[in-house]
Amino acid sequence: MLIQSLSKYLRHTFDYDVDSPVYSYKKELELCYAMANIITTKSPHIKIEFNIEENLPDVEIPMFSLAALIDNALTYSLKGTLHPTISISIKNTGKFVEFTSYDNGIGMTPNDIDYVLGQPHVVVAYGLYQINQVLIDKCQTSLNINSKVNRYTIVSFLIPVAVKEDE
């Protein structure tokens, strides 16, 4: 199973298309499942949960966006956390599909959030800054970050559901 996960992970990273930086959330989810298997095999004390609503519309999201949320939580948030947990949820809210990452790590200060959402900052979550920029440029949306220092971080974004012509 670990070899299959490594293979999927590598295949996804090599398939990056600069000309089309968005793809089906389902493809991203495959990458995240592979990534979670690799992480939890290497570090069994880390818990990664997926709460994915069934029958979601097939919306496109930036490549590596959910993976970046997991990576960000691992890199910055979970250090020193007794029972590190990351939860990824995807749900249909009607006009949007909501993608959310929750972690019970060290949290982010308001200044950290401002850096992520407003300007690149190498020390504080540069990957989140990049994902936010692609969301703005390609999906006309942005990250929403809610955090409490030493408690949690919740990062989410909404992708509009395409309206069918017969509706």
Foldseek 3Di string as FASTA:
>chain_A
DLVVLVVLLVVLVVPQDPVDQKDWVVSQVSNVVSVQVNVCVVPVLEAEEEAEDPPDFGDIAGRCPVVLLVVLCVPPFAVPPPRWYKYWYWDDPDFWIKTKIKIFGQKDDPVLVCCLQPHADVVRSNVSNVRQVCCCVPQVKGWDWDIDGNGMIMIMIIGGRDDDPVD
